[in-house]
Amino acid sequence: MNQELKQLTKSEKSNLSTTEISKIIRQQFKKEFPGCKFSVTSQYYSGGSSISVYLKESKIKIIRDFKDINEVALLDYESRGYTKEQLKDFQSNKHHGLNPYSLREDFNEYNWCNGVFLTEDGFKLLKRVVEIVDYYNYDESDSQTDYYCVNFSFHIGLELKEETD
């Protein structure tokens, strides 16, 4: 699944429009994830632009079943003010906004991504999606000085119909 790409310079990334990048990303997803369907859209606004990626269909299971969540992970989730019933409802939902920063980390069965526990295979797929999008982006932001400088903002989520095992 992991294909190495030639590193682009900031100038090369800046010379591509967000619309062009979205098209390239869509083509890359078709090659790397033949069993998946994605929505990849770009948007322009006065402060810049953004790319949104939503996984719509997958032949692999993305969201863990509630019964498969480790008890330690459940306790950690509850310590954040949520109940098991809330988590159970959340896990059964197929629409989620995800945190790309969580998907840049290594898989950990105890961690959740913006409130949802992913399967290991689902996490790896989404991590690769983030890697592909990040390849065309640059981030020179500095949170200590409140300076935000990116090629485009990035949103990732799930809009699954039904998952197959």
N, C-alpha and C. Protein backbone atom coordinates (compact mmCIF):
# COMPACT_ATOMS: atom_id res chain seq x y z
N MET A 1 0.82 -1.19 0.00
CA MET A 1 0.00 0.00 0.00
C MET A 1 0.86 1.25 0.00
N ASN A 2 1.98 1.27 0.71
CA ASN A 2 2.83 2.45 0.81
C ASN A 2 3.71 2.59 -0.42
N GLN A 3 3.50 3.63 -1.18
CA GLN A 3 4.34 3.91 -2.33
C GLN A 3 5.11 5.20 -2.03
N GLU A 4 6.42 5.15 -2.22
CA GLU A 4 7.25 6.32 -1.97
C GLU A 4 7.06 7.32 -3.10
N LEU A 5 6.94 8.59 -2.74
CA LEU A 5 6.79 9.66 -3.71
C LEU A 5 8.01 10.58 -3.63
N LYS A 6 8.42 11.14 -4.76
CA LYS A 6 9.53 12.08 -4.79
C LYS A 6 9.15 13.32 -3.97
N GLN A 7 10.03 13.75 -3.10
CA GLN A 7 9.74 14.90 -2.24
C GLN A 7 9.60 16.17 -3.08
N LEU A 8 8.52 16.89 -2.87
CA LEU A 8 8.31 18.15 -3.58
C LEU A 8 8.81 19.30 -2.72
N THR A 9 9.28 20.35 -3.37
CA THR A 9 9.69 21.55 -2.64
C THR A 9 8.45 22.38 -2.33
N LYS A 10 8.60 23.35 -1.42
CA LYS A 10 7.49 24.24 -1.10
C LYS A 10 7.03 24.97 -2.36
N SER A 11 7.97 25.38 -3.19
CA SER A 11 7.64 26.08 -4.43
C SER A 11 6.81 25.18 -5.36
N GLU A 12 7.22 23.92 -5.50
CA GLU A 12 6.47 22.98 -6.34
C GLU A 12 5.06 22.77 -5.80
N LYS A 13 4.93 22.68 -4.48
CA LYS A 13 3.61 22.51 -3.87
C LYS A 13 2.76 23.75 -4.07
N SER A 14 3.38 24.92 -3.93
CA SER A 14 2.65 26.19 -4.07
C SER A 14 2.19 26.43 -5.50
N ASN A 15 2.91 25.88 -6.47
CA ASN A 15 2.55 26.09 -7.87
C ASN A 15 1.35 25.26 -8.32
N LEU A 16 0.94 24.30 -7.50
CA LEU A 16 -0.26 23.51 -7.81
C LEU A 16 -1.46 24.15 -7.13
N SER A 17 -2.55 24.30 -7.85
CA SER A 17 -3.76 24.83 -7.21
C SER A 17 -4.38 23.73 -6.34
N THR A 18 -5.19 24.15 -5.41
CA THR A 18 -5.87 23.19 -4.55
C THR A 18 -6.77 22.27 -5.37
N THR A 19 -7.36 22.79 -6.42
CA THR A 19 -8.19 21.97 -7.31
C THR A 19 -7.34 20.92 -8.02
N GLU A 20 -6.15 21.31 -8.50
CA GLU A 20 -5.25 20.35 -9.15
C GLU A 20 -4.80 19.28 -8.16
N ILE A 21 -4.47 19.71 -6.94
CA ILE A 21 -4.04 18.75 -5.91
C ILE A 21 -5.16 17.76 -5.61
N SER A 22 -6.39 18.24 -5.51
CA SER A 22 -7.53 17.35 -5.26
C SER A 22 -7.66 16.30 -6.34
N LYS A 23 -7.48 16.69 -7.59
CA LYS A 23 -7.56 15.73 -8.71
C LYS A 23 -6.45 14.69 -8.62
N ILE A 24 -5.24 15.15 -8.31
CA ILE A 24 -4.11 14.24 -8.19
C ILE A 24 -4.35 13.25 -7.04
N ILE A 25 -4.81 13.77 -5.93
CA ILE A 25 -5.09 12.93 -4.76
C ILE A 25 -6.16 11.89 -5.09
N ARG A 26 -7.21 12.31 -5.76
CA ARG A 26 -8.29 11.40 -6.16
C ARG A 26 -7.74 10.25 -7.02
N GLN A 27 -6.87 10.58 -7.97
CA GLN A 27 -6.25 9.55 -8.83
C GLN A 27 -5.37 8.61 -8.01
N GLN A 28 -4.61 9.17 -7.08
CA GLN A 28 -3.74 8.36 -6.23
C GLN A 28 -4.58 7.39 -5.39
N PHE A 29 -5.70 7.86 -4.85
CA PHE A 29 -6.57 7.00 -4.05
C PHE A 29 -7.13 5.85 -4.89
N LYS A 30 -7.51 6.14 -6.14
CA LYS A 30 -8.03 5.09 -7.01
C LYS A 30 -7.00 4.00 -7.26
N LYS A 31 -5.73 4.40 -7.39
CA LYS A 31 -4.65 3.43 -7.61
C LYS A 31 -4.36 2.62 -6.35
N GLU A 32 -4.24 3.29 -5.22
CA GLU A 32 -3.81 2.63 -3.98
C GLU A 32 -4.92 1.91 -3.23
N PHE A 33 -6.15 2.36 -3.40
CA PHE A 33 -7.27 1.79 -2.63
C PHE A 33 -8.40 1.37 -3.55
N PRO A 34 -8.19 0.33 -4.36
CA PRO A 34 -9.22 -0.07 -5.33
C PRO A 34 -10.53 -0.51 -4.69
N GLY A 35 -10.52 -0.93 -3.44
CA GLY A 35 -11.74 -1.37 -2.78
C GLY A 35 -12.46 -0.27 -2.02
N CYS A 36 -12.04 0.97 -2.23
CA CYS A 36 -12.62 2.10 -1.48
C CYS A 36 -13.16 3.17 -2.42
N LYS A 37 -14.10 3.92 -1.91
CA LYS A 37 -14.61 5.10 -2.62
C LYS A 37 -14.44 6.30 -1.69
N PHE A 38 -13.90 7.37 -2.27
CA PHE A 38 -13.65 8.59 -1.52
C PHE A 38 -14.36 9.77 -2.18
N SER A 39 -14.68 10.74 -1.37
CA SER A 39 -15.08 12.05 -1.85
C SER A 39 -13.90 12.97 -1.54
N VAL A 40 -13.37 13.62 -2.58
CA VAL A 40 -12.27 14.57 -2.40
C VAL A 40 -12.72 15.89 -3.02
N THR A 41 -12.87 16.90 -2.19
CA THR A 41 -13.34 18.20 -2.67
C THR A 41 -12.39 19.30 -2.23
N SER A 42 -12.36 20.36 -3.01
CA SER A 42 -11.57 21.53 -2.66
C SER A 42 -12.51 22.73 -2.55
N GLN A 43 -12.09 23.67 -1.74
CA GLN A 43 -12.89 24.87 -1.53
C GLN A 43 -11.94 26.05 -1.40
N TYR A 44 -12.33 27.16 -1.97
CA TYR A 44 -11.56 28.40 -1.84
C TYR A 44 -12.38 29.39 -1.03
N TYR A 45 -11.68 30.18 -0.23
CA TYR A 45 -12.32 31.22 0.57
C TYR A 45 -11.31 32.35 0.75
N SER A 46 -11.73 33.45 1.35
CA SER A 46 -10.89 34.65 1.39
C SER A 46 -9.53 34.43 2.05
N GLY A 47 -9.43 33.52 3.01
CA GLY A 47 -8.17 33.30 3.72
C GLY A 47 -7.33 32.19 3.14
N GLY A 48 -7.78 31.53 2.09
CA GLY A 48 -7.00 30.43 1.52
C GLY A 48 -7.89 29.39 0.88
N SER A 49 -7.56 28.12 1.13
CA SER A 49 -8.31 27.03 0.53
C SER A 49 -8.23 25.79 1.42
N SER A 50 -9.07 24.83 1.11
CA SER A 50 -9.06 23.59 1.89
C SER A 50 -9.37 22.40 0.99
N ILE A 51 -8.95 21.24 1.48
CA ILE A 51 -9.28 19.97 0.84
C ILE A 51 -9.97 19.12 1.89
N SER A 52 -11.10 18.55 1.52
CA SER A 52 -11.84 17.65 2.39
C SER A 52 -11.86 16.27 1.76
N VAL A 53 -11.53 15.26 2.57
CA VAL A 53 -11.53 13.88 2.12
C VAL A 53 -12.46 13.08 3.02
N TYR A 54 -13.41 12.40 2.41
CA TYR A 54 -14.32 11.54 3.15
C TYR A 54 -14.30 10.14 2.56
N LEU A 55 -14.08 9.17 3.41
CA LEU A 55 -14.17 7.77 2.99
C LEU A 55 -15.64 7.40 2.96
N LYS A 56 -16.13 6.98 1.79
CA LYS A 56 -17.55 6.67 1.61
C LYS A 56 -17.82 5.16 1.64
N GLU A 57 -16.91 4.37 1.07
CA GLU A 57 -17.07 2.91 1.04
C GLU A 57 -15.71 2.26 1.20
N SER A 58 -15.72 1.10 1.85
CA SER A 58 -14.48 0.36 2.04
C SER A 58 -14.78 -1.13 2.13
N LYS A 59 -13.91 -1.92 1.55
CA LYS A 59 -14.07 -3.38 1.65
C LYS A 59 -13.50 -3.90 2.97
N ILE A 60 -12.76 -3.05 3.68
CA ILE A 60 -12.25 -3.46 4.99
C ILE A 60 -13.04 -2.75 6.08
N LYS A 61 -13.06 -3.34 7.23
CA LYS A 61 -13.77 -2.77 8.38
C LYS A 61 -12.96 -1.60 8.91
N ILE A 62 -13.58 -0.46 9.08
CA ILE A 62 -12.90 0.77 9.52
C ILE A 62 -13.15 1.04 11.00
N ILE A 63 -14.39 0.92 11.42
CA ILE A 63 -14.77 1.24 12.81
C ILE A 63 -14.88 -0.04 13.61
N ARG A 64 -14.22 -0.04 14.77
CA ARG A 64 -14.26 -1.21 15.64
C ARG A 64 -15.65 -1.41 16.23
N ASP A 65 -16.07 -2.66 16.37
CA ASP A 65 -17.31 -2.96 17.07
C ASP A 65 -17.12 -2.63 18.54
N PHE A 66 -18.16 -2.17 19.19
CA PHE A 66 -18.07 -1.79 20.59
C PHE A 66 -17.52 -2.93 21.45
N LYS A 67 -17.95 -4.14 21.17
CA LYS A 67 -17.53 -5.31 21.97
C LYS A 67 -16.02 -5.58 21.84
N ASP A 68 -15.37 -5.03 20.82
CA ASP A 68 -13.95 -5.26 20.59
C ASP A 68 -13.05 -4.18 21.19
N ILE A 69 -13.65 -3.24 21.90
CA ILE A 69 -12.85 -2.16 22.50
C ILE A 69 -12.33 -2.63 23.86
N ASN A 70 -11.06 -2.48 24.06
CA ASN A 70 -10.37 -2.88 25.28
C ASN A 70 -10.94 -2.15 26.50
N GLU A 71 -11.05 -2.86 27.63
CA GLU A 71 -11.61 -2.28 28.86
C GLU A 71 -10.81 -1.08 29.34
N VAL A 72 -9.49 -1.12 29.19
CA VAL A 72 -8.65 0.02 29.59
C VAL A 72 -9.01 1.24 28.75
N ALA A 73 -9.23 1.03 27.46
CA ALA A 73 -9.61 2.13 26.58
C ALA A 73 -10.97 2.69 26.97
N LEU A 74 -11.89 1.81 27.35
CA LEU A 74 -13.21 2.26 27.80
C LEU A 74 -13.11 3.11 29.06
N LEU A 75 -12.28 2.68 29.99
CA LEU A 75 -12.09 3.45 31.23
C LEU A 75 -11.49 4.82 30.94
N ASP A 76 -10.54 4.86 30.03
CA ASP A 76 -9.94 6.15 29.65
C ASP A 76 -10.99 7.05 29.01
N TYR A 77 -11.82 6.48 28.16
CA TYR A 77 -12.88 7.23 27.49
C TYR A 77 -13.86 7.78 28.54
N GLU A 78 -14.21 6.95 29.51
CA GLU A 78 -15.13 7.39 30.57
C GLU A 78 -14.51 8.48 31.44
N SER A 79 -13.19 8.42 31.64
CA SER A 79 -12.52 9.44 32.45
C SER A 79 -12.59 10.82 31.80
N ARG A 80 -12.92 10.87 30.53
CA ARG A 80 -13.05 12.14 29.80
C ARG A 80 -14.48 12.67 29.84
N GLY A 81 -15.33 12.00 30.64
CA GLY A 81 -16.69 12.50 30.83
C GLY A 81 -17.75 11.87 29.95
N TYR A 82 -17.42 10.80 29.26
CA TYR A 82 -18.38 10.10 28.41
C TYR A 82 -18.84 8.82 29.10
N THR A 83 -20.01 8.35 28.73
CA THR A 83 -20.50 7.08 29.26
C THR A 83 -20.28 5.99 28.21
N LYS A 84 -20.36 4.75 28.66
CA LYS A 84 -20.22 3.62 27.72
C LYS A 84 -21.36 3.64 26.70
N GLU A 85 -22.54 4.05 27.14
CA GLU A 85 -23.68 4.12 26.21
C GLU A 85 -23.44 5.16 25.12
N GLN A 86 -22.85 6.30 25.50
CA GLN A 86 -22.53 7.32 24.50
C GLN A 86 -21.51 6.77 23.49
N LEU A 87 -20.51 6.07 24.00
CA LEU A 87 -19.50 5.49 23.12
C LEU A 87 -20.12 4.43 22.21
N LYS A 88 -21.00 3.62 22.76
CA LYS A 88 -21.66 2.58 21.96
C LYS A 88 -22.44 3.21 20.81
N ASP A 89 -23.17 4.29 21.11
CA ASP A 89 -23.90 5.00 20.07
C ASP A 89 -22.95 5.61 19.05
N PHE A 90 -21.87 6.18 19.54
CA PHE A 90 -20.90 6.82 18.66
C PHE A 90 -20.25 5.79 17.74
N GLN A 91 -19.90 4.62 18.27
CA GLN A 91 -19.28 3.56 17.47
C GLN A 91 -20.22 3.04 16.39
N SER A 92 -21.51 3.07 16.64
CA SER A 92 -22.46 2.56 15.64
C SER A 92 -22.73 3.58 14.54
N ASN A 93 -22.37 4.83 14.77
CA ASN A 93 -22.54 5.87 13.77
C ASN A 93 -21.49 5.68 12.67
N LYS A 94 -21.86 5.88 11.44
CA LYS A 94 -20.93 5.70 10.31
C LYS A 94 -20.43 7.04 9.76
N HIS A 95 -20.79 8.15 10.41
CA HIS A 95 -20.36 9.48 9.99
C HIS A 95 -19.53 10.09 11.11
N HIS A 96 -18.27 10.38 10.81
CA HIS A 96 -17.36 10.93 11.81
C HIS A 96 -16.40 11.92 11.17
N GLY A 97 -16.19 13.03 11.84
CA GLY A 97 -15.07 13.90 11.50
C GLY A 97 -13.87 13.34 12.24
N LEU A 98 -12.76 13.17 11.57
CA LEU A 98 -11.58 12.58 12.19
C LEU A 98 -10.50 13.64 12.42
N ASN A 99 -9.56 13.32 13.27
CA ASN A 99 -8.46 14.21 13.58
C ASN A 99 -7.22 13.75 12.81
N PRO A 100 -6.79 14.51 11.80
CA PRO A 100 -5.64 14.07 11.03
C PRO A 100 -4.37 13.95 11.88
N TYR A 101 -4.27 14.72 12.97
CA TYR A 101 -3.08 14.64 13.83
C TYR A 101 -3.00 13.27 14.50
N SER A 102 -4.14 12.72 14.92
CA SER A 102 -4.17 11.38 15.51
C SER A 102 -3.75 10.34 14.50
N LEU A 103 -4.10 10.56 13.24
CA LEU A 103 -3.79 9.60 12.18
C LEU A 103 -2.34 9.69 11.72
N ARG A 104 -1.62 10.67 12.20
CA ARG A 104 -0.18 10.77 11.88
C ARG A 104 0.65 9.99 12.89
N GLU A 105 0.03 9.54 13.96
CA GLU A 105 0.72 8.77 14.99
C GLU A 105 0.69 7.28 14.63
N ASP A 106 1.30 6.45 15.47
CA ASP A 106 1.24 5.01 15.29
C ASP A 106 -0.06 4.47 15.88
N PHE A 107 -0.52 3.34 15.33
CA PHE A 107 -1.75 2.72 15.84
C PHE A 107 -1.56 2.26 17.28
N ASN A 108 -2.58 2.48 18.07
CA ASN A 108 -2.59 2.04 19.46
C ASN A 108 -4.04 1.66 19.77
N GLU A 109 -4.27 0.43 20.17
CA GLU A 109 -5.65 -0.04 20.37
C GLU A 109 -6.38 0.72 21.48
N TYR A 110 -5.64 1.46 22.29
CA TYR A 110 -6.27 2.21 23.38
C TYR A 110 -6.68 3.62 22.95
N ASN A 111 -6.15 4.09 21.84
CA ASN A 111 -6.43 5.46 21.40
C ASN A 111 -7.64 5.51 20.50
N TRP A 112 -8.32 6.62 20.56
CA TRP A 112 -9.44 6.85 19.69
C TRP A 112 -9.15 8.08 18.86
N CYS A 113 -9.78 8.16 17.71
CA CYS A 113 -9.56 9.26 16.77
C CYS A 113 -10.79 10.16 16.77
N ASN A 114 -10.71 11.23 17.52
CA ASN A 114 -11.81 12.18 17.61
C ASN A 114 -13.10 11.50 18.07
N GLY A 115 -12.95 10.58 19.02
CA GLY A 115 -14.12 9.95 19.63
C GLY A 115 -14.49 8.59 19.10
N VAL A 116 -13.87 8.13 18.03
CA VAL A 116 -14.22 6.83 17.46
C VAL A 116 -12.99 5.91 17.49
N PHE A 117 -13.21 4.65 17.85
CA PHE A 117 -12.14 3.66 17.84
C PHE A 117 -12.12 2.98 16.48
N LEU A 118 -10.96 3.02 15.83
CA LEU A 118 -10.79 2.44 14.50
C LEU A 118 -10.16 1.06 14.61
N THR A 119 -10.43 0.22 13.61
CA THR A 119 -9.72 -1.06 13.53
C THR A 119 -8.28 -0.74 13.12
N GLU A 120 -7.38 -1.69 13.33
CA GLU A 120 -5.99 -1.46 12.93
C GLU A 120 -5.88 -1.26 11.42
N ASP A 121 -6.59 -2.09 10.65
CA ASP A 121 -6.55 -1.94 9.19
C ASP A 121 -7.17 -0.61 8.74
N GLY A 122 -8.25 -0.23 9.40
CA GLY A 122 -8.88 1.05 9.09
C GLY A 122 -7.96 2.22 9.40
N PHE A 123 -7.29 2.13 10.54
CA PHE A 123 -6.34 3.17 10.94
C PHE A 123 -5.21 3.28 9.91
N LYS A 124 -4.67 2.13 9.49
CA LYS A 124 -3.56 2.14 8.52
C LYS A 124 -4.00 2.75 7.19
N LEU A 125 -5.20 2.42 6.74
CA LEU A 125 -5.72 2.98 5.50
C LEU A 125 -5.83 4.50 5.62
N LEU A 126 -6.44 4.96 6.71
CA LEU A 126 -6.64 6.40 6.89
C LEU A 126 -5.32 7.13 7.13
N LYS A 127 -4.39 6.47 7.78
CA LYS A 127 -3.05 7.06 7.97
C LYS A 127 -2.40 7.28 6.61
N ARG A 128 -2.53 6.32 5.71
CA ARG A 128 -1.96 6.46 4.37
C ARG A 128 -2.66 7.59 3.60
N VAL A 129 -3.97 7.73 3.79
CA VAL A 129 -4.70 8.83 3.17
C VAL A 129 -4.10 10.16 3.62
N VAL A 130 -3.86 10.29 4.91
CA VAL A 130 -3.27 11.53 5.46
C VAL A 130 -1.87 11.74 4.89
N GLU A 131 -1.08 10.68 4.77
CA GLU A 131 0.27 10.80 4.20
C GLU A 131 0.22 11.33 2.76
N ILE A 132 -0.72 10.83 1.98
CA ILE A 132 -0.84 11.27 0.59
C ILE A 132 -1.22 12.74 0.53
N VAL A 133 -2.19 13.15 1.33
CA VAL A 133 -2.60 14.56 1.34
C VAL A 133 -1.46 15.44 1.86
N ASP A 134 -0.81 15.01 2.92
CA ASP A 134 0.31 15.78 3.49
C ASP A 134 1.44 15.97 2.49
N TYR A 135 1.61 15.02 1.61
CA TYR A 135 2.67 15.09 0.60
C TYR A 135 2.55 16.36 -0.23
N TYR A 136 1.34 16.81 -0.50
CA TYR A 136 1.10 17.98 -1.33
C TYR A 136 0.91 19.26 -0.52
N ASN A 137 1.00 19.15 0.78
CA ASN A 137 0.80 20.30 1.65
C ASN A 137 2.12 20.71 2.29
N TYR A 138 2.20 21.90 2.75
CA TYR A 138 3.31 22.32 3.60
C TYR A 138 2.71 23.01 4.82
N ASP A 139 3.42 22.99 5.90
CA ASP A 139 2.93 23.61 7.13
C ASP A 139 4.11 24.31 7.80
N GLU A 140 4.10 25.61 7.70
CA GLU A 140 5.12 26.42 8.36
C GLU A 140 4.53 27.19 9.53
N SER A 141 3.44 26.68 10.06
CA SER A 141 2.76 27.33 11.18
C SER A 141 3.63 27.29 12.43
N ASP A 142 3.41 28.25 13.29
CA ASP A 142 4.11 28.32 14.57
C ASP A 142 3.09 28.66 15.64
N SER A 143 2.68 27.64 16.40
CA SER A 143 1.63 27.85 17.41
C SER A 143 2.09 28.78 18.53
N GLN A 144 3.39 28.87 18.77
CA GLN A 144 3.88 29.75 19.85
C GLN A 144 3.69 31.22 19.51
N THR A 145 3.69 31.54 18.23
CA THR A 145 3.48 32.94 17.84
C THR A 145 2.12 33.14 17.17
N ASP A 146 1.28 32.09 17.19
CA ASP A 146 -0.05 32.14 16.59
C ASP A 146 0.03 32.46 15.10
N TYR A 147 0.99 31.86 14.42
CA TYR A 147 1.20 32.05 13.00
C TYR A 147 0.74 30.81 12.26
N TYR A 148 -0.20 30.97 11.33
CA TYR A 148 -0.77 29.85 10.58
C TYR A 148 -0.39 30.01 9.11
N CYS A 149 0.39 29.07 8.58
CA CYS A 149 0.85 29.15 7.20
C CYS A 149 0.88 27.74 6.61
N VAL A 150 -0.13 27.41 5.80
CA VAL A 150 -0.21 26.11 5.15
C VAL A 150 -0.57 26.33 3.67
N ASN A 151 -0.30 25.32 2.88
CA ASN A 151 -0.69 25.36 1.47
C ASN A 151 -2.22 25.30 1.37
N PHE A 152 -2.83 24.47 2.20
CA PHE A 152 -4.29 24.37 2.29
C PHE A 152 -4.66 23.73 3.62
N SER A 153 -5.85 24.02 4.10
CA SER A 153 -6.37 23.34 5.29
C SER A 153 -6.87 21.97 4.87
N PHE A 154 -6.89 21.04 5.81
CA PHE A 154 -7.24 19.66 5.49
C PHE A 154 -8.26 19.12 6.48
N HIS A 155 -9.31 18.52 5.95
CA HIS A 155 -10.36 17.89 6.75
C HIS A 155 -10.50 16.44 6.28
N ILE A 156 -10.66 15.53 7.23
CA ILE A 156 -10.84 14.12 6.88
C ILE A 156 -11.98 13.55 7.71
N GLY A 157 -12.74 12.66 7.10
CA GLY A 157 -13.86 12.08 7.83
C GLY A 157 -14.37 10.80 7.19
N LEU A 158 -15.35 10.23 7.86
CA LEU A 158 -16.01 9.02 7.39
C LEU A 158 -17.46 9.35 7.07
N GLU A 159 -17.94 8.88 5.95
CA GLU A 159 -19.35 8.96 5.58
C GLU A 159 -19.72 7.60 5.00
N LEU A 160 -19.58 6.59 5.83
CA LEU A 160 -19.77 5.20 5.39
C LEU A 160 -21.25 4.86 5.31
N LYS A 161 -21.60 4.05 4.33
CA LYS A 161 -22.96 3.51 4.26
C LYS A 161 -23.02 2.33 5.23
N GLU A 162 -22.49 1.24 4.83
CA GLU A 162 -22.37 0.04 5.67
C GLU A 162 -21.01 -0.52 5.48
N GLU A 163 -20.43 -1.02 6.53
CA GLU A 163 -19.11 -1.63 6.42
C GLU A 163 -19.27 -3.12 6.16
N THR A 164 -18.29 -3.65 5.43
CA THR A 164 -18.25 -5.10 5.24
C THR A 164 -17.06 -5.65 5.98
N ASP A 165 -17.17 -6.88 6.42
CA ASP A 165 -16.06 -7.51 7.17
C ASP A 165 -15.12 -8.21 6.24
